Amino acid sequence: MADPTTSDTVFHAQGLTKVYGEGATAVHALRGVDLAIMRGEFVVLLGASGSGKSTLLNILGGLDSASSGSARWTHHGRTHELTGASDAELTRYRREHVGFVFQFYNLIPSLTARENVALVTDLADDPMAPEDALALVGLGGRLDHFVSQLSGGEQQRVAIARAIAKRPAVLLCDEPTGALDCATGVMVLEAIERVNRELGTTTIVITHNAPIAAMAHRVLRLADGRIVDEHVNPEPVAAATLRW
């Protein structure tokens, strides 16, 4: 595991558990997760459905709370507790520091690509221009197309542009290629790869597709709510070479 004591640690979780429900019907989604994610790292969380990947990502992203254990994040040398934070604190954390990309794009169909991204930049302190964010994901020529005029892969890249336009410290992606075929998914992964490489955005990607793990700096495999394997890729491969 990466060393959680260094100043480059972005996320540090210890003994993280999450239980949904009570008694005999309780579901243990996380069962004592220890984790450290470093600044600028590209991490893939790999595992079957129900392994705890999304629960872990949602806690790190401030969308869900842990049942026990601790989760902290560090930004500009200051460490903040995520476990025990108030709703208002988590809302501010998500708005200012976290970019989310999900399997389904959650775009507004009646708006253009540029307008969908502008919804975020209008609220951010130091945003990119929507045009720059869309150019970064290869959509500089599709700025004024409505969502209905875009393919699934293009819509997902608009969602990535929207997520990174506020210059988040971290980009959290939950099955970003899950609704896409391989060729289209590779284009989406190339956009995420470029954001990590060129902006230095700490990036965590959930996937059930094992070949995608080859592009990560580090791979964490989850099963039954625990991290059961960790692998460092000495030479991550380019997204363009992936097939599944």
C-alpha atoms as a PDB file:
ATOM      1  CA  MET A   1       0.000   0.000   0.000  1.00  0.00           C
ATOM      2  CA  ALA A   2       1.156   3.557  -0.674  1.00  0.00           C
ATOM      3  CA  ASP A   3       2.656   5.261   2.369  1.00  0.00           C
ATOM      4  CA  PRO A   4      -0.121   7.286   4.073  1.00  0.00           C
ATOM      5  CA  THR A   5       2.335   9.402   6.075  1.00  0.00           C
ATOM      6  CA  THR A   6       3.767  11.339   3.143  1.00  0.00           C
ATOM      7  CA  SER A   7       2.671  14.863   2.285  1.00  0.00           C
ATOM      8  CA  ASP A   8       1.535  13.640  -1.132  1.00  0.00           C
ATOM      9  CA  THR A   9      -1.304  11.543   0.279  1.00  0.00           C
ATOM     10  CA  VAL A  10      -4.693  12.723  -1.000  1.00  0.00           C
ATOM     11  CA  PHE A  11      -6.932  10.068   0.588  1.00  0.00           C
ATOM     12  CA  HIS A  12      -6.238   8.019   3.693  1.00  0.00           C
ATOM     13  CA  ALA A  13      -8.829   5.542   4.956  1.00  0.00           C
ATOM     14  CA  GLN A  14      -8.436   3.258   7.939  1.00  0.00           C
ATOM     15  CA  GLY A  15     -10.765   0.509   9.135  1.00  0.00           C
ATOM     16  CA  LEU A  16     -13.537   1.790   6.882  1.00  0.00           C
ATOM     17  CA  THR A  17     -16.829  -0.093   7.196  1.00  0.00           C
ATOM     18  CA  LYS A  18     -20.273   0.445   5.745  1.00  0.00           C
ATOM     19  CA  VAL A  19     -23.373  -1.452   6.805  1.00  0.00           C
ATOM     20  CA  TYR A  20     -26.773  -0.949   5.215  1.00  0.00           C
ATOM     21  CA  GLY A  21     -29.759  -2.021   7.290  1.00  0.00           C
ATOM     22  CA  GLU A  22     -29.828  -3.808  10.624  1.00  0.00           C
ATOM     23  CA  GLY A  23     -29.989  -7.280  12.116  1.00  0.00           C
ATOM     24  CA  ALA A  24     -30.347 -10.353   9.958  1.00  0.00           C
ATOM     25  CA  THR A  25     -30.968  -8.317   6.807  1.00  0.00           C
ATOM     26  CA  ALA A  26     -27.921  -6.051   7.243  1.00  0.00           C
ATOM     27  CA  VAL A  27     -25.636  -5.761   4.201  1.00  0.00           C
ATOM     28  CA  HIS A  28     -21.935  -5.294   4.942  1.00  0.00           C
ATOM     29  CA  ALA A  29     -20.726  -3.330   1.922  1.00  0.00           C
ATOM     30  CA  LEU A  30     -17.281  -2.535   3.367  1.00  0.00           C
ATOM     31  CA  ARG A  31     -15.538  -4.650   5.974  1.00  0.00           C
ATOM     32  CA  GLY A  32     -12.506  -2.727   7.236  1.00  0.00           C
ATOM     33  CA  VAL A  33     -10.791  -1.017   4.297  1.00  0.00           C
ATOM     34  CA  ASP A  34      -7.348   0.559   4.686  1.00  0.00           C
ATOM     35  CA  LEU A  35      -6.353   2.772   1.783  1.00  0.00           C
ATOM     36  CA  ALA A  36      -3.948   5.515   0.722  1.00  0.00           C
ATOM     37  CA  ILE A  37      -4.174   7.351  -2.605  1.00  0.00           C
ATOM     38  CA  MET A  38      -1.356   9.651  -3.672  1.00  0.00           C
ATOM     39  CA  ARG A  39      -1.561  13.002  -5.421  1.00  0.00           C
ATOM     40  CA  GLY A  40      -1.663  12.651  -9.210  1.00  0.00           C
ATOM     41  CA  GLU A  41      -2.122   8.896  -9.035  1.00  0.00           C
ATOM     42  CA  PHE A  42      -4.339   6.951 -11.450  1.00  0.00           C
ATOM     43  CA  VAL A  43      -5.961   4.117  -9.489  1.00  0.00           C
ATOM     44  CA  VAL A  44      -8.347   1.464 -10.779  1.00  0.00           C
ATOM     45  CA  LEU A  45     -10.733  -0.261  -8.363  1.00  0.00           C
ATOM     46  CA  LEU A  46     -11.467  -3.669  -9.792  1.00  0.00           C
ATOM     47  CA  GLY A  47     -14.054  -6.165  -8.636  1.00  0.00           C
ATOM     48  CA  ALA A  48     -17.337  -7.898  -9.263  1.00  0.00           C
ATOM     49  CA  SER A  49     -20.710  -6.288  -8.669  1.00  0.00           C
ATOM     50  CA  GLY A  50     -21.333  -6.086  -4.921  1.00  0.00           C
ATOM     51  CA  SER A  51     -17.649  -6.096  -3.982  1.00  0.00           C
ATOM     52  CA  GLY A  52     -17.831  -2.641  -2.392  1.00  0.00           C
ATOM     53  CA  LYS A  53     -16.232  -0.535  -5.133  1.00  0.00           C
ATOM     54  CA  SER A  54     -19.007   2.035  -5.502  1.00  0.00           C
ATOM     55  CA  THR A  55     -19.566   2.300  -1.750  1.00  0.00           C
ATOM     56  CA  LEU A  56     -15.869   3.061  -1.242  1.00  0.00           C
ATOM     57  CA  LEU A  57     -15.848   5.626  -4.052  1.00  0.00           C
ATOM     58  CA  ASN A  58     -19.003   7.294  -2.717  1.00  0.00           C
ATOM     59  CA  ILE A  59     -17.499   7.662   0.755  1.00  0.00           C
ATOM     60  CA  LEU A  60     -14.280   9.148  -0.660  1.00  0.00           C
ATOM     61  CA  GLY A  61     -16.392  11.496  -2.794  1.00  0.00           C
ATOM     62  CA  GLY A  62     -18.558  12.666   0.102  1.00  0.00           C
ATOM     63  CA  LEU A  63     -21.738  11.127  -1.355  1.00  0.00           C
ATOM     64  CA  ASP A  64     -22.096   8.574   1.443  1.00  0.00           C
ATOM     65  CA  SER A  65     -20.936   8.204   5.033  1.00  0.00           C
ATOM     66  CA  ALA A  66     -19.062   5.340   6.660  1.00  0.00           C
ATOM     67  CA  SER A  67     -20.502   3.256   9.499  1.00  0.00           C
ATOM     68  CA  SER A  68     -17.120   3.174  11.260  1.00  0.00           C
ATOM     69  CA  GLY A  69     -13.459   3.841  10.639  1.00  0.00           C
ATOM     70  CA  SER A  70     -11.930   7.021   9.293  1.00  0.00           C
ATOM     71  CA  ALA A  71     -11.525   8.650   5.902  1.00  0.00           C
ATOM     72  CA  ARG A  72      -9.465  11.801   5.465  1.00  0.00           C
ATOM     73  CA  TRP A  73      -8.411  13.840   2.490  1.00  0.00           C
ATOM     74  CA  THR A  74      -5.533  16.303   2.206  1.00  0.00           C
ATOM     75  CA  HIS A  75      -5.446  19.389   0.012  1.00  0.00           C
ATOM     76  CA  HIS A  76      -2.777  22.111  -0.051  1.00  0.00           C
ATOM     77  CA  GLY A  77      -1.211  20.620   3.053  1.00  0.00           C
ATOM     78  CA  ARG A  78      -4.408  20.650   5.116  1.00  0.00           C
ATOM     79  CA  THR A  79      -6.088  17.411   6.197  1.00  0.00           C
ATOM     80  CA  HIS A  80      -9.876  17.243   6.415  1.00  0.00           C
ATOM     81  CA  GLU A  81     -12.005  14.543   8.019  1.00  0.00           C
ATOM     82  CA  LEU A  82     -14.656  13.107   5.730  1.00  0.00           C
ATOM     83  CA  THR A  83     -16.031  10.755   8.369  1.00  0.00           C
ATOM     84  CA  GLY A  84     -18.067  12.854  10.766  1.00  0.00           C
ATOM     85  CA  ALA A  85     -18.221  15.870   8.455  1.00  0.00           C
ATOM     86  CA  SER A  86     -21.547  17.720   8.351  1.00  0.00           C
ATOM     87  CA  ASP A  87     -23.806  17.666   5.304  1.00  0.00           C
ATOM     88  CA  ALA A  88     -22.856  21.279   4.597  1.00  0.00           C
ATOM     89  CA  GLU A  89     -19.141  20.456   4.771  1.00  0.00           C
ATOM     90  CA  LEU A  90     -19.548  17.472   2.447  1.00  0.00           C
ATOM     91  CA  THR A  91     -21.589  19.543  -0.002  1.00  0.00           C
ATOM     92  CA  ARG A  92     -18.846  22.179  -0.115  1.00  0.00           C
ATOM     93  CA  TYR A  93     -16.198  19.466  -0.516  1.00  0.00           C
ATOM     94  CA  ARG A  94     -18.038  17.894  -3.466  1.00  0.00           C
ATOM     95  CA  ARG A  95     -18.762  21.227  -5.121  1.00  0.00           C
ATOM     96  CA  GLU A  96     -15.260  22.628  -4.839  1.00  0.00           C
ATOM     97  CA  HIS A  97     -12.909  19.668  -5.014  1.00  0.00           C
ATOM     98  CA  VAL A  98     -14.461  16.557  -6.572  1.00  0.00           C
ATOM     99  CA  GLY A  99     -15.395  15.756 -10.151  1.00  0.00           C
ATOM    100  CA  PHE A 100     -17.750  12.807 -10.678  1.00  0.00           C
ATOM    101  CA  VAL A 101     -18.297  10.707 -13.796  1.00  0.00           C
ATOM    102  CA  PHE A 102     -20.918   7.953 -13.715  1.00  0.00           C
ATOM    103  CA  GLN A 103     -21.982   5.187 -16.083  1.00  0.00           C
ATOM    104  CA  PHE A 104     -24.942   7.281 -17.228  1.00  0.00           C
ATOM    105  CA  TYR A 105     -24.132  10.780 -18.303  1.00  0.00           C
ATOM    106  CA  ASN A 106     -26.756  12.889 -16.494  1.00  0.00           C
ATOM    107  CA  LEU A 107     -26.619  15.622 -19.114  1.00  0.00           C
ATOM    108  CA  ILE A 108     -29.454  18.049 -19.844  1.00  0.00           C
ATOM    109  CA  PRO A 109     -30.748  17.153 -23.345  1.00  0.00           C
ATOM    110  CA  SER A 110     -32.140  20.608 -24.103  1.00  0.00           C
ATOM    111  CA  LEU A 111     -28.705  22.201 -23.693  1.00  0.00           C
ATOM    112  CA  THR A 112     -25.643  22.074 -25.945  1.00  0.00           C
ATOM    113  CA  ALA A 113     -22.361  20.476 -24.936  1.00  0.00           C
ATOM    114  CA  ARG A 114     -20.966  23.925 -24.121  1.00  0.00           C
ATOM    115  CA  GLU A 115     -24.022  24.838 -22.034  1.00  0.00           C
ATOM    116  CA  ASN A 116     -23.905  21.579 -20.071  1.00  0.00           C
ATOM    117  CA  VAL A 117     -20.314  22.302 -19.071  1.00  0.00           C
ATOM    118  CA  ALA A 118     -21.088  25.958 -18.346  1.00  0.00           C
ATOM    119  CA  LEU A 119     -23.574  24.873 -15.667  1.00  0.00           C
ATOM    120  CA  VAL A 120     -20.564  23.855 -13.571  1.00  0.00           C
ATOM    121  CA  THR A 121     -18.175  26.637 -14.526  1.00  0.00           C
ATOM    122  CA  ASP A 122     -20.729  29.271 -13.548  1.00  0.00           C
ATOM    123  CA  LEU A 123     -20.492  28.001  -9.933  1.00  0.00           C
ATOM    124  CA  ALA A 124     -16.753  27.378  -9.664  1.00  0.00           C
ATOM    125  CA  ASP A 125     -14.129  29.721  -8.221  1.00  0.00           C
ATOM    126  CA  ASP A 126     -11.430  29.173 -10.845  1.00  0.00           C
ATOM    127  CA  PRO A 127     -12.995  27.262 -13.729  1.00  0.00           C
ATOM    128  CA  MET A 128     -11.712  26.403 -17.159  1.00  0.00           C
ATOM    129  CA  ALA A 129     -13.567  27.906 -20.050  1.00  0.00           C
ATOM    130  CA  PRO A 130     -16.140  25.328 -21.238  1.00  0.00           C
ATOM    131  CA  GLU A 131     -14.473  25.427 -24.652  1.00  0.00           C
ATOM    132  CA  ASP A 132     -11.106  24.465 -23.115  1.00  0.00           C
ATOM    133  CA  ALA A 133     -12.595  21.613 -21.093  1.00  0.00           C
ATOM    134  CA  LEU A 134     -14.346  20.213 -24.161  1.00  0.00           C
ATOM    135  CA  ALA A 135     -11.189  20.555 -26.256  1.00  0.00           C
ATOM    136  CA  LEU A 136      -9.288  18.560 -23.624  1.00  0.00           C
ATOM    137  CA  VAL A 137     -11.641  15.603 -24.163  1.00  0.00           C
ATOM    138  CA  GLY A 138     -11.538  15.910 -27.954  1.00  0.00           C
ATOM    139  CA  LEU A 139     -14.853  17.681 -28.496  1.00  0.00           C
ATOM    140  CA  GLY A 140     -13.686  21.114 -29.578  1.00  0.00           C
ATOM    141  CA  GLY A 141     -15.678  20.708 -32.779  1.00  0.00           C
ATOM    142  CA  ARG A 142     -18.933  19.724 -31.059  1.00  0.00           C
ATOM    143  CA  LEU A 143     -19.429  22.697 -28.730  1.00  0.00           C
ATOM    144  CA  ASP A 144     -22.828  23.766 -30.001  1.00  0.00           C
ATOM    145  CA  HIS A 145     -24.343  20.346 -30.639  1.00  0.00           C
ATOM    146  CA  PHE A 146     -27.275  19.353 -28.467  1.00  0.00           C
ATOM    147  CA  VAL A 147     -26.969  16.196 -26.396  1.00  0.00           C
ATOM    148  CA  SER A 148     -29.404  14.383 -28.711  1.00  0.00           C
ATOM    149  CA  GLN A 149     -27.002  15.025 -31.595  1.00  0.00           C
ATOM    150  CA  LEU A 150     -24.085  13.322 -29.819  1.00  0.00           C
ATOM    151  CA  SER A 151     -23.153   9.644 -29.665  1.00  0.00           C
ATOM    152  CA  GLY A 152     -22.956   7.830 -26.333  1.00  0.00           C
ATOM    153  CA  GLY A 153     -19.186   8.171 -26.227  1.00  0.00           C
ATOM    154  CA  GLU A 154     -19.400  11.887 -27.015  1.00  0.00           C
ATOM    155  CA  GLN A 155     -21.980  12.370 -24.273  1.00  0.00           C
ATOM    156  CA  GLN A 156     -19.703  10.629 -21.777  1.00  0.00           C
ATOM    157  CA  ARG A 157     -16.830  12.893 -22.811  1.00  0.00           C
ATOM    158  CA  VAL A 158     -19.075  15.924 -22.262  1.00  0.00           C
ATOM    159  CA  ALA A 159     -19.712  14.525 -18.776  1.00  0.00           C
ATOM    160  CA  ILE A 160     -15.952  14.283 -18.213  1.00  0.00           C
ATOM    161  CA  ALA A 161     -15.464  17.843 -19.455  1.00  0.00           C
ATOM    162  CA  ARG A 162     -18.194  18.999 -17.060  1.00  0.00           C
ATOM    163  CA  ALA A 163     -16.531  17.143 -14.196  1.00  0.00           C
ATOM    164  CA  ILE A 164     -13.056  18.581 -14.758  1.00  0.00           C
ATOM    165  CA  ALA A 165     -14.039  22.120 -15.795  1.00  0.00           C
ATOM    166  CA  LYS A 166     -14.049  23.280 -12.175  1.00  0.00           C
ATOM    167  CA  ARG A 167     -10.440  22.021 -11.850  1.00  0.00           C
ATOM    168  CA  PRO A 168     -11.216  19.426  -9.162  1.00  0.00           C
ATOM    169  CA  ALA A 169      -8.478  17.962  -7.001  1.00  0.00           C
ATOM    170  CA  VAL A 170      -9.840  14.482  -7.665  1.00  0.00           C
ATOM    171  CA  LEU A 171     -11.798  12.814 -10.467  1.00  0.00           C
ATOM    172  CA  LEU A 172     -13.932   9.853  -9.407  1.00  0.00           C
ATOM    173  CA  CYS A 173     -15.324   7.665 -12.194  1.00  0.00           C
ATOM    174  CA  ASP A 174     -17.836   4.876 -11.555  1.00  0.00           C
ATOM    175  CA  GLU A 175     -17.985   2.475 -14.531  1.00  0.00           C
ATOM    176  CA  PRO A 176     -17.469   5.319 -17.053  1.00  0.00           C
ATOM    177  CA  THR A 177     -17.367   2.835 -19.953  1.00  0.00           C
ATOM    178  CA  GLY A 178     -20.102   0.535 -18.648  1.00  0.00           C
ATOM    179  CA  ALA A 179     -22.703   1.595 -21.208  1.00  0.00           C
ATOM    180  CA  LEU A 180     -20.290   1.753 -24.144  1.00  0.00           C
ATOM    181  CA  ASP A 181     -18.763  -0.664 -26.632  1.00  0.00           C
ATOM    182  CA  CYS A 182     -15.016  -1.223 -26.541  1.00  0.00           C
ATOM    183  CA  ALA A 183     -14.002   1.225 -29.281  1.00  0.00           C
ATOM    184  CA  THR A 184     -16.132   4.015 -27.817  1.00  0.00           C
ATOM    185  CA  GLY A 185     -15.033   3.173 -24.286  1.00  0.00           C
ATOM    186  CA  VAL A 186     -11.387   3.475 -25.287  1.00  0.00           C
ATOM    187  CA  MET A 187     -12.004   7.053 -26.480  1.00  0.00           C
ATOM    188  CA  VAL A 188     -13.556   7.859 -23.104  1.00  0.00           C
ATOM    189  CA  LEU A 189     -10.601   6.297 -21.276  1.00  0.00           C
ATOM    190  CA  GLU A 190      -8.208   8.310 -23.439  1.00  0.00           C
ATOM    191  CA  ALA A 191      -9.965  11.475 -22.247  1.00  0.00           C
ATOM    192  CA  ILE A 192      -9.645  10.410 -18.595  1.00  0.00           C
ATOM    193  CA  GLU A 193      -6.013   9.452 -19.176  1.00  0.00           C
ATOM    194  CA  ARG A 194      -5.288  12.882 -20.642  1.00  0.00           C
ATOM    195  CA  VAL A 195      -6.903  14.672 -17.693  1.00  0.00           C
ATOM    196  CA  ASN A 196      -4.724  12.690 -15.286  1.00  0.00           C
ATOM    197  CA  ARG A 197      -1.554  13.243 -17.314  1.00  0.00           C
ATOM    198  CA  GLU A 198      -1.943  16.879 -18.344  1.00  0.00           C
ATOM    199  CA  LEU A 199      -3.775  18.337 -15.343  1.00  0.00           C
ATOM    200  CA  GLY A 200      -2.270  16.049 -12.704  1.00  0.00           C
ATOM    201  CA  THR A 201      -5.756  15.263 -11.390  1.00  0.00           C
ATOM    202  CA  THR A 202      -5.816  12.386  -8.917  1.00  0.00           C
ATOM    203  CA  THR A 203      -8.058   9.853 -10.655  1.00  0.00           C
ATOM    204  CA  ILE A 204      -9.913   6.797  -9.385  1.00  0.00           C
ATOM    205  CA  VAL A 205     -11.801   4.621 -11.862  1.00  0.00           C
ATOM    206  CA  ILE A 206     -14.171   1.795 -10.938  1.00  0.00           C
ATOM    207  CA  THR A 207     -14.521  -0.964 -13.491  1.00  0.00           C
ATOM    208  CA  HIS A 208     -15.416  -4.634 -13.749  1.00  0.00           C
ATOM    209  CA  ASN A 209     -13.392  -4.887 -16.989  1.00  0.00           C
ATOM    210  CA  ALA A 210     -10.024  -6.325 -15.969  1.00  0.00           C
ATOM    211  CA  PRO A 211      -8.135  -5.148 -19.121  1.00  0.00           C
ATOM    212  CA  ILE A 212      -8.744  -1.499 -18.154  1.00  0.00           C
ATOM    213  CA  ALA A 213      -6.565  -2.032 -15.075  1.00  0.00           C
ATOM    214  CA  ALA A 214      -3.469  -2.098 -17.304  1.00  0.00           C
ATOM    215  CA  MET A 215      -3.643   1.695 -17.801  1.00  0.00           C
ATOM    216  CA  ALA A 216      -3.537   2.486 -14.069  1.00  0.00           C
ATOM    217  CA  HIS A 217      -0.551   3.341 -11.913  1.00  0.00           C
ATOM    218  CA  ARG A 218      -2.025   1.048  -9.254  1.00  0.00           C
ATOM    219  CA  VAL A 219      -4.842  -1.509  -9.150  1.00  0.00           C
ATOM    220  CA  LEU A 220      -6.848  -2.385  -6.040  1.00  0.00           C
ATOM    221  CA  ARG A 221      -9.069  -5.455  -6.302  1.00  0.00           C
ATOM    222  CA  LEU A 222     -12.062  -5.666  -3.988  1.00  0.00           C
ATOM    223  CA  ALA A 223     -14.102  -8.688  -2.980  1.00  0.00           C
ATOM    224  CA  ASP A 224     -16.738  -8.982  -0.261  1.00  0.00           C
ATOM    225  CA  GLY A 225     -16.105  -5.466   1.024  1.00  0.00           C
ATOM    226  CA  ARG A 226     -12.351  -5.826   1.393  1.00  0.00           C
ATOM    227  CA  ILE A 227      -9.248  -4.958  -0.622  1.00  0.00           C
ATOM    228  CA  VAL A 228      -7.909  -8.415  -1.398  1.00  0.00           C
ATOM    229  CA  ASP A 229      -5.112  -7.576  -3.811  1.00  0.00           C
ATOM    230  CA  GLU A 230      -2.953  -4.605  -4.771  1.00  0.00           C
ATOM    231  CA  HIS A 231      -0.831  -4.368  -7.887  1.00  0.00           C
ATOM    232  CA  VAL A 232       1.467  -1.607  -9.146  1.00  0.00           C
ATOM    233  CA  ASN A 233       1.920  -1.298 -12.902  1.00  0.00           C
ATOM    234  CA  PRO A 234       5.585  -0.340 -13.489  1.00  0.00           C
ATOM    235  CA  GLU A 235       4.678   0.713 -17.035  1.00  0.00           C
ATOM    236  CA  PRO A 236       0.977   1.578 -17.458  1.00  0.00           C
ATOM    237  CA  VAL A 237      -0.225   0.994 -21.011  1.00  0.00           C
ATOM    238  CA  ALA A 238      -1.893   3.629 -23.168  1.00  0.00           C
ATOM    239  CA  ALA A 239      -5.679   3.546 -23.195  1.00  0.00           C
ATOM    240  CA  ALA A 240      -5.614   3.412 -26.993  1.00  0.00           C
ATOM    241  CA  THR A 241      -4.134  -0.105 -26.846  1.00  0.00           C
ATOM    242  CA  LEU A 242      -6.867  -1.589 -24.621  1.00  0.00           C
ATOM    243  CA  ARG A 243      -9.407  -4.167 -25.806  1.00  0.00           C
ATOM    244  CA  TRP A 244     -12.109  -6.027 -23.927  1.00  0.00           C
END
